[in-house]
Amino acid sequence: MKLAAHVTLPVMLALLVISILFFKERMLYIDAPHMLFRIINDGHMHIEEHRYGSFISQFFPWLGVRLHLPLKGLMIFYSTGFYLFYLAVGLLLVYKYMDYGLAVLLGLYFTVFVTDTYYWPNNEVHQGITWLVLAFAVCRSTAMRKQNLWIQLLLFTGFFFLAIWTHPLVMLAAVYLWFFYVANGQVSSFSKHQVVLFSCILVLLSVLKFCQGLHHNYDGSKIEILTGFDIHRLKNIFTSPQFHFFINGCIFHYQIFTALFIAGLVGLLINKKYILFAWTVVFVAGYLFLMCATYWDFTLRSFMESEYMPMVIICCTPFVYHVLPKMKPGVSVSIIFLVYLLRIGFIFMAAAPFTNRVALLTKGDPCG
């Protein structure tokens, strides 16, 4: 696991370098130019839909504005700012908290279900998931060091609030991963009373985020589709365009994601972790239902990949904790390296339409 985690860091660095090479493709697509325009003209960050954790990616273009960087410099700063944050968290996971499982999960999150969405970086779910893995690492570290209960309570509430409030989908990954750790015996540093207390806090934060989202335009519109879902349409879920998009993707675009998921489930069965097997299957089925109900016939790949990416945490956790540690170090490192290498290749291959789009946008512009 340790060696696999160390392989993850160069991959995160590679994704950062690619964000420089394709800064125009990323920064001239959908939300990015809108957000950069507002930051430049208003002189401050724009946190929308109470997604507070997104400040970390907006900090870099805001700082660039304060430093009076030219527009090209601001675009590069903005494009790389996302991966500067992700890489920084990866470094903390490996070298400070030595939480190698979370480091590998973070690396898989940013690769195995990613092609077109790499060129649309502004979905706050990515910052939310990164805050989430950091929250787990920080809170487990404070528990191991037997910090004062009030400090642990403050850190747990603060970090998980930041993660969940950054994007509603993060709550699903948070709840899944927390109770996976509980059932897997990976919260032994917490007392039984702490486990119960923190579980209640996590559920409460998720409920509050759900209720808060009901009263805001963007999140509220998605939640209303879900809460207003006609139960009679349930029988048609398997014929919906969204379900076909997911299944076809798992077969033709995200084969590694599918393989890791299946391997993880087999690993749970071999290790007789039947509760975790059921927990994982139920969460995957529930997540897929949410996607189909909310985005019935909306299948824009650059958007939908972002929405499915939190499922990587759910689907790959069994592999990371019940398959990878059973392998010989050389085998596990080779597999993880090959996974990253292949997926980065997919990211490069997805660039062509976005590069062509930039060429059309800048055609006849002497400044390029």
Protein backbone atom coordinates (compact mmCIF):
# COMPACT_ATOMS: atom_id res chain seq x y z
CA MET A 1 0.00 0.00 0.00
CA LYS A 2 2.83 2.39 0.87
CA LEU A 3 4.57 1.87 -2.46
CA ALA A 4 1.28 2.20 -4.35
CA ALA A 5 0.63 5.49 -2.54
CA HIS A 6 4.05 6.79 -3.55
CA VAL A 7 3.25 5.95 -7.19
CA THR A 8 0.14 8.12 -6.87
CA LEU A 9 2.10 11.33 -6.23
CA PRO A 10 3.91 11.45 -9.60
CA VAL A 11 0.56 10.81 -11.25
CA MET A 12 -0.98 13.79 -9.48
CA LEU A 13 2.03 15.83 -10.57
CA ALA A 14 1.55 14.61 -14.15
CA LEU A 15 -2.10 15.70 -14.07
CA LEU A 16 -0.92 19.12 -12.89
CA VAL A 17 1.55 19.37 -15.78
CA ILE A 18 -1.17 18.34 -18.26
CA SER A 19 -3.38 21.11 -16.83
CA ILE A 20 -0.68 23.57 -17.95
CA LEU A 21 -0.37 22.04 -21.42
CA PHE A 22 -4.14 22.18 -21.94
CA PHE A 23 -4.90 25.35 -19.98
CA LYS A 24 -6.88 26.88 -22.85
CA GLU A 25 -8.96 23.75 -23.33
CA ARG A 26 -9.82 23.77 -19.61
CA MET A 27 -10.20 27.50 -19.09
CA LEU A 28 -12.27 28.33 -22.17
CA TYR A 29 -14.98 25.76 -21.50
CA ILE A 30 -18.35 26.42 -19.82
CA ASP A 31 -17.91 27.63 -16.21
CA ALA A 32 -14.22 28.52 -16.07
CA PRO A 33 -14.30 31.68 -18.24
CA HIS A 34 -17.45 32.84 -16.45
CA MET A 35 -15.85 32.43 -13.01
CA LEU A 36 -12.56 33.99 -14.09
CA PHE A 37 -14.41 36.95 -15.63
CA ARG A 38 -16.24 37.57 -12.34
CA ILE A 39 -13.10 37.23 -10.22
CA ILE A 40 -11.20 39.69 -12.45
CA ASN A 41 -13.99 42.26 -12.63
CA ASP A 42 -15.29 42.02 -9.06
CA GLY A 43 -11.96 41.49 -7.36
CA HIS A 44 -13.16 38.74 -5.04
CA MET A 45 -14.04 35.05 -5.06
CA HIS A 46 -17.53 33.84 -5.96
CA ILE A 47 -18.77 30.99 -3.81
CA GLU A 48 -22.02 29.76 -5.32
CA GLU A 49 -24.70 27.52 -3.77
CA HIS A 50 -22.86 27.69 -0.40
CA ARG A 51 -20.11 25.45 -1.80
CA TYR A 52 -17.54 26.89 0.57
CA GLY A 53 -14.73 24.44 -0.14
CA SER A 54 -14.39 25.78 -3.67
CA PHE A 55 -12.54 28.79 -2.27
CA ILE A 56 -9.34 26.76 -2.55
CA SER A 57 -9.45 26.63 -6.37
CA GLN A 58 -10.63 30.23 -6.72
CA PHE A 59 -7.82 31.45 -4.46
CA PHE A 60 -5.22 31.04 -7.21
CA PRO A 61 -6.85 33.22 -9.91
CA TRP A 62 -7.83 35.72 -7.19
CA LEU A 63 -4.18 35.88 -6.11
CA GLY A 64 -3.16 36.25 -9.75
CA VAL A 65 -5.46 39.24 -10.09
CA ARG A 66 -3.91 40.80 -6.98
CA LEU A 67 -0.48 40.25 -8.54
CA HIS A 68 -1.68 41.89 -11.79
CA LEU A 69 -0.83 38.86 -13.92
CA PRO A 70 -1.74 39.02 -17.63
CA LEU A 71 -4.81 37.10 -18.79
CA LYS A 72 -2.76 34.14 -20.02
CA GLY A 73 -1.01 33.94 -16.66
CA LEU A 74 -4.37 34.03 -14.84
CA MET A 75 -5.71 31.21 -16.99
CA ILE A 76 -2.64 29.05 -16.32
CA PHE A 77 -2.80 29.89 -12.61
CA TYR A 78 -6.48 28.95 -12.50
CA SER A 79 -6.03 25.72 -14.45
CA THR A 80 -3.14 24.50 -12.29
CA GLY A 81 -4.68 25.72 -9.02
CA PHE A 82 -7.03 22.76 -8.88
CA TYR A 83 -4.22 20.22 -9.08
CA LEU A 84 -1.96 22.19 -6.78
CA PHE A 85 -4.60 21.59 -4.12
CA TYR A 86 -5.08 17.93 -5.01
CA LEU A 87 -1.33 17.29 -5.08
CA ALA A 88 -0.86 19.11 -1.76
CA VAL A 89 -3.46 16.88 -0.11
CA GLY A 90 -1.83 13.80 -1.65
CA LEU A 91 1.52 14.85 -0.17
CA LEU A 92 -0.09 15.33 3.24
CA LEU A 93 -1.73 11.90 3.07
CA VAL A 94 1.54 10.16 2.22
CA TYR A 95 4.16 12.05 4.21
CA LYS A 96 2.33 13.57 7.18
CA TYR A 97 -0.59 11.27 7.93
CA MET A 98 0.83 8.13 6.25
CA ASP A 99 -2.70 7.22 5.21
CA TYR A 100 -1.70 5.29 2.12
CA GLY A 101 -5.12 3.81 1.40
CA LEU A 102 -6.70 7.25 1.12
CA ALA A 103 -3.83 8.43 -1.10
CA VAL A 104 -4.46 5.56 -3.54
CA LEU A 105 -8.21 6.22 -3.45
CA LEU A 106 -7.59 9.87 -4.30
CA GLY A 107 -5.39 8.87 -7.24
CA LEU A 108 -8.01 6.44 -8.52
CA TYR A 109 -10.70 9.09 -8.10
CA PHE A 110 -8.88 11.45 -10.47
CA THR A 111 -8.17 8.84 -13.15
CA VAL A 112 -10.38 5.77 -13.52
CA PHE A 113 -13.62 7.55 -14.49
CA VAL A 114 -12.07 10.53 -16.26
CA THR A 115 -11.83 11.45 -19.92
CA ASP A 116 -13.75 14.52 -21.15
CA THR A 117 -14.40 15.83 -17.65
CA TYR A 118 -10.70 16.58 -17.19
CA TYR A 119 -11.30 19.56 -19.48
CA TRP A 120 -14.20 20.77 -17.31
CA PRO A 121 -12.54 21.25 -13.91
CA ASN A 122 -15.12 23.49 -12.25
CA ASN A 123 -17.45 20.91 -10.72
CA GLU A 124 -16.96 21.49 -6.99
CA VAL A 125 -17.42 17.77 -6.29
CA HIS A 126 -13.68 17.27 -6.88
CA GLN A 127 -12.69 19.78 -4.24
CA GLY A 128 -15.32 18.26 -1.94
CA ILE A 129 -13.92 14.73 -2.31
CA THR A 130 -10.39 16.02 -1.72
CA TRP A 131 -11.52 17.80 1.45
CA LEU A 132 -13.24 14.54 2.43
CA VAL A 133 -10.15 12.33 2.26
CA LEU A 134 -8.23 15.00 4.14
CA ALA A 135 -10.99 15.05 6.78
CA PHE A 136 -10.68 11.30 7.32
CA ALA A 137 -6.89 11.51 7.57
CA VAL A 138 -6.91 14.44 10.01
CA CYS A 139 -9.58 12.99 12.26
CA ARG A 140 -8.02 9.54 12.42
CA SER A 141 -4.66 11.10 13.17
CA THR A 142 -6.03 13.17 16.07
CA ALA A 143 -7.75 10.07 17.45
CA MET A 144 -4.53 8.05 17.29
CA ARG A 145 -2.70 10.83 19.15
CA LYS A 146 -5.45 10.83 21.81
CA GLN A 147 -6.21 14.50 21.35
CA ASN A 148 -8.74 16.17 23.62
CA LEU A 149 -12.28 15.07 22.74
CA TRP A 150 -13.42 18.65 22.15
CA ILE A 151 -10.59 19.19 19.67
CA GLN A 152 -11.50 15.96 17.88
CA LEU A 153 -15.15 17.00 17.82
CA LEU A 154 -14.30 20.43 16.41
CA LEU A 155 -12.00 19.03 13.72
CA PHE A 156 -14.43 16.29 12.71
CA THR A 157 -17.38 18.67 12.45
CA GLY A 158 -15.38 21.39 10.70
CA PHE A 159 -13.68 19.23 8.09
CA PHE A 160 -16.71 17.11 7.27
CA PHE A 161 -18.88 20.23 7.08
CA LEU A 162 -16.44 21.75 4.59
CA ALA A 163 -16.36 18.57 2.50
CA ILE A 164 -20.12 17.94 2.43
CA TRP A 165 -21.05 21.59 1.90
CA THR A 166 -18.73 21.81 -1.10
CA HIS A 167 -20.99 19.46 -3.07
CA PRO A 168 -24.08 17.40 -2.14
CA LEU A 169 -22.75 14.20 -3.74
CA VAL A 170 -19.85 14.17 -1.29
CA MET A 171 -22.25 13.15 1.50
CA LEU A 172 -22.79 9.77 -0.20
CA ALA A 173 -19.07 9.03 -0.35
CA ALA A 174 -18.65 10.31 3.22
CA VAL A 175 -21.37 8.12 4.71
CA TYR A 176 -20.24 5.07 2.75
CA LEU A 177 -16.57 5.43 3.66
CA TRP A 178 -17.20 6.18 7.35
CA PHE A 179 -19.36 3.13 7.93
CA PHE A 180 -17.02 1.01 5.78
CA TYR A 181 -14.21 1.97 8.15
CA VAL A 182 -16.41 1.24 11.17
CA ALA A 183 -17.39 -2.22 9.91
CA ASN A 184 -13.82 -2.90 8.76
CA GLY A 185 -12.36 -2.10 12.18
CA GLN A 186 -10.39 0.90 10.90
CA VAL A 187 -11.63 3.34 13.54
CA SER A 188 -10.15 1.43 16.47
CA SER A 189 -8.51 4.66 17.66
CA PHE A 190 -11.99 6.00 18.44
CA SER A 191 -13.89 4.81 21.49
CA LYS A 192 -17.32 3.24 20.97
CA HIS A 193 -18.96 6.42 22.26
CA GLN A 194 -16.93 8.51 19.81
CA VAL A 195 -17.94 6.26 16.92
CA VAL A 196 -21.61 6.71 17.81
CA LEU A 197 -21.20 10.46 18.33
CA PHE A 198 -19.29 11.06 15.10
CA SER A 199 -21.69 8.83 13.15
CA CYS A 200 -24.60 10.96 14.36
CA ILE A 201 -22.75 14.16 13.45
CA LEU A 202 -22.01 12.85 9.96
CA VAL A 203 -25.62 11.84 9.36
CA LEU A 204 -26.84 15.18 10.77
CA LEU A 205 -24.51 17.15 8.48
CA SER A 206 -25.79 15.15 5.50
CA VAL A 207 -29.42 15.77 6.42
CA LEU A 208 -28.78 19.48 6.94
CA LYS A 209 -27.01 19.73 3.57
CA PHE A 210 -29.95 18.00 1.89
CA CYS A 211 -32.42 20.40 3.53
CA GLN A 212 -30.26 23.42 2.69
CA GLY A 213 -30.05 22.33 -0.94
CA LEU A 214 -33.84 22.21 -1.19
CA HIS A 215 -34.02 25.98 -0.85
CA HIS A 216 -31.49 26.99 -3.47
CA ASN A 217 -32.00 27.20 -7.20
CA TYR A 218 -29.37 24.89 -8.66
CA ASP A 219 -29.23 22.13 -6.03
CA GLY A 220 -32.93 22.53 -5.33
CA SER A 221 -33.87 21.86 -8.95
CA LYS A 222 -31.97 18.56 -8.87
CA ILE A 223 -33.43 17.53 -5.51
CA GLU A 224 -36.96 18.36 -6.69
CA ILE A 225 -36.50 16.04 -9.67
CA LEU A 226 -35.44 13.30 -7.28
CA THR A 227 -38.13 13.86 -4.63
CA GLY A 228 -40.76 14.19 -7.35
CA PHE A 229 -39.67 11.04 -9.14
CA ASP A 230 -42.65 8.99 -10.30
CA ILE A 231 -42.29 5.56 -8.70
CA HIS A 232 -44.03 4.04 -11.70
CA ARG A 233 -41.00 5.01 -13.82
CA LEU A 234 -38.85 2.73 -11.66
CA LYS A 235 -39.57 -0.22 -13.92
CA ASN A 236 -38.13 1.78 -16.82
CA ILE A 237 -34.84 2.63 -15.08
CA PHE A 238 -32.97 -0.11 -16.95
CA THR A 239 -34.11 1.24 -20.30
CA SER A 240 -33.33 4.88 -19.51
CA PRO A 241 -30.68 6.67 -21.62
CA GLN A 242 -28.70 7.41 -18.45
CA PHE A 243 -28.50 3.76 -17.45
CA HIS A 244 -27.35 2.83 -20.95
CA PHE A 245 -24.76 5.63 -20.83
CA PHE A 246 -23.34 4.22 -17.60
CA ILE A 247 -23.31 0.57 -18.66
CA ASN A 248 -21.85 1.32 -22.10
CA GLY A 249 -19.25 3.50 -20.44
CA CYS A 250 -18.26 0.73 -18.02
CA ILE A 251 -17.79 -1.62 -21.00
CA PHE A 252 -16.09 0.66 -23.53
CA HIS A 253 -14.57 3.63 -21.66
CA TYR A 254 -14.04 2.77 -18.00
CA GLN A 255 -13.05 -0.90 -18.11
CA ILE A 256 -10.47 -0.41 -15.37
CA PHE A 257 -13.12 1.07 -13.07
CA THR A 258 -15.30 -1.98 -13.75
CA ALA A 259 -12.41 -4.40 -13.14
CA LEU A 260 -11.44 -2.77 -9.83
CA PHE A 261 -15.06 -2.81 -8.67
CA ILE A 262 -15.52 -6.50 -9.48
CA ALA A 263 -12.14 -7.40 -7.96
CA GLY A 264 -13.08 -5.53 -4.79
CA LEU A 265 -16.40 -7.35 -4.46
CA VAL A 266 -14.68 -10.70 -4.98
CA GLY A 267 -12.11 -9.72 -2.35
CA LEU A 268 -14.86 -8.97 0.14
CA LEU A 269 -16.47 -12.34 -0.49
CA ILE A 270 -13.17 -14.21 -0.19
CA ASN A 271 -12.47 -12.44 3.10
CA LYS A 272 -16.03 -13.20 4.26
CA LYS A 273 -16.87 -9.52 4.62
CA TYR A 274 -20.51 -10.07 3.77
CA ILE A 275 -21.80 -6.94 5.51
CA LEU A 276 -19.32 -4.76 3.61
CA PHE A 277 -20.25 -6.55 0.39
CA ALA A 278 -23.93 -5.79 0.93
CA TRP A 279 -23.14 -2.21 2.05
CA THR A 280 -21.16 -1.60 -1.14
CA VAL A 281 -23.72 -3.14 -3.49
CA VAL A 282 -26.58 -1.19 -1.90
CA PHE A 283 -24.68 2.11 -2.16
CA VAL A 284 -23.70 1.51 -5.78
CA ALA A 285 -27.29 0.61 -6.71
CA GLY A 286 -28.59 3.63 -4.82
CA TYR A 287 -26.08 5.96 -6.45
CA LEU A 288 -26.92 4.68 -9.91
CA PHE A 289 -30.63 5.14 -9.20
CA LEU A 290 -29.99 8.75 -8.13
CA MET A 291 -28.12 9.44 -11.37
CA CYS A 292 -30.80 7.85 -13.54
CA ALA A 293 -33.66 9.58 -11.73
CA THR A 294 -31.98 13.01 -11.78
CA TYR A 295 -30.36 12.91 -15.24
CA TRP A 296 -32.73 10.56 -17.05
CA ASP A 297 -31.73 11.47 -20.60
CA PHE A 298 -28.85 13.92 -20.06
CA THR A 299 -25.64 12.22 -21.15
CA LEU A 300 -23.07 14.95 -21.84
CA ARG A 301 -19.87 13.07 -21.00
CA SER A 302 -17.86 16.00 -19.60
CA PHE A 303 -20.64 16.67 -17.07
CA MET A 304 -21.79 13.16 -16.24
CA GLU A 305 -18.31 11.84 -15.57
CA SER A 306 -17.99 14.41 -12.80
CA GLU A 307 -21.28 13.31 -11.31
CA TYR A 308 -20.23 9.65 -11.37
CA MET A 309 -16.72 10.20 -10.02
CA PRO A 310 -17.74 10.01 -6.32
CA MET A 311 -18.89 6.47 -7.11
CA VAL A 312 -15.19 5.67 -7.60
CA ILE A 313 -14.71 6.08 -3.84
CA ILE A 314 -17.53 3.60 -3.23
CA CYS A 315 -16.54 1.09 -5.91
CA CYS A 316 -12.77 1.12 -5.39
CA THR A 317 -12.58 1.14 -1.58
CA PRO A 318 -13.00 -2.68 -1.31
CA PHE A 319 -10.19 -3.17 -3.85
CA VAL A 320 -7.86 -0.77 -2.03
CA TYR A 321 -8.39 -2.31 1.41
CA HIS A 322 -9.15 -5.98 0.66
CA VAL A 323 -7.31 -6.81 -2.56
CA LEU A 324 -4.29 -4.53 -2.92
CA PRO A 325 -2.78 -5.37 0.52
CA LYS A 326 -2.96 -9.11 -0.28
CA MET A 327 -0.69 -8.72 -3.30
CA LYS A 328 3.08 -8.82 -3.34
CA PRO A 329 4.49 -5.25 -3.28
CA GLY A 330 5.90 -5.51 -6.79
CA VAL A 331 2.60 -6.76 -8.18
CA SER A 332 0.48 -4.12 -6.45
CA VAL A 333 2.75 -1.29 -7.56
CA SER A 334 2.81 -2.60 -11.14
CA ILE A 335 -0.99 -2.80 -11.25
CA ILE A 336 -1.50 0.68 -9.83
CA PHE A 337 1.15 2.14 -12.15
CA LEU A 338 -0.45 0.46 -15.17
CA VAL A 339 -3.90 1.72 -14.14
CA TYR A 340 -2.63 5.30 -13.90
CA LEU A 341 -0.66 5.07 -17.14
CA LEU A 342 -3.60 3.77 -19.14
CA ARG A 343 -6.05 6.28 -17.70
CA ILE A 344 -3.72 9.21 -18.39
CA GLY A 345 -3.61 7.94 -21.96
CA PHE A 346 -7.42 8.12 -22.08
CA ILE A 347 -7.26 11.72 -20.78
CA PHE A 348 -4.83 12.68 -23.55
CA MET A 349 -6.99 11.01 -26.20
CA ALA A 350 -10.03 12.97 -24.99
CA ALA A 351 -8.29 16.30 -25.68
CA ALA A 352 -8.88 16.46 -29.46
CA PRO A 353 -12.45 17.90 -29.47
CA PHE A 354 -11.48 20.52 -26.90
CA THR A 355 -8.32 21.45 -28.79
CA ASN A 356 -10.34 21.78 -32.01
CA ARG A 357 -12.85 23.93 -30.15
CA VAL A 358 -10.07 26.26 -28.97
CA ALA A 359 -8.74 26.46 -32.54
CA LEU A 360 -12.17 27.56 -33.76
CA LEU A 361 -12.53 30.11 -30.97
CA THR A 362 -9.14 31.65 -31.65
CA LYS A 363 -9.26 31.46 -35.44
CA GLY A 364 -8.24 34.82 -36.87
CA ASP A 365 -7.22 36.13 -33.45
CA PRO A 366 -3.61 37.42 -33.72
CA CYS A 367 -3.21 36.93 -29.95
CA GLY A 368 -4.18 33.24 -30.21
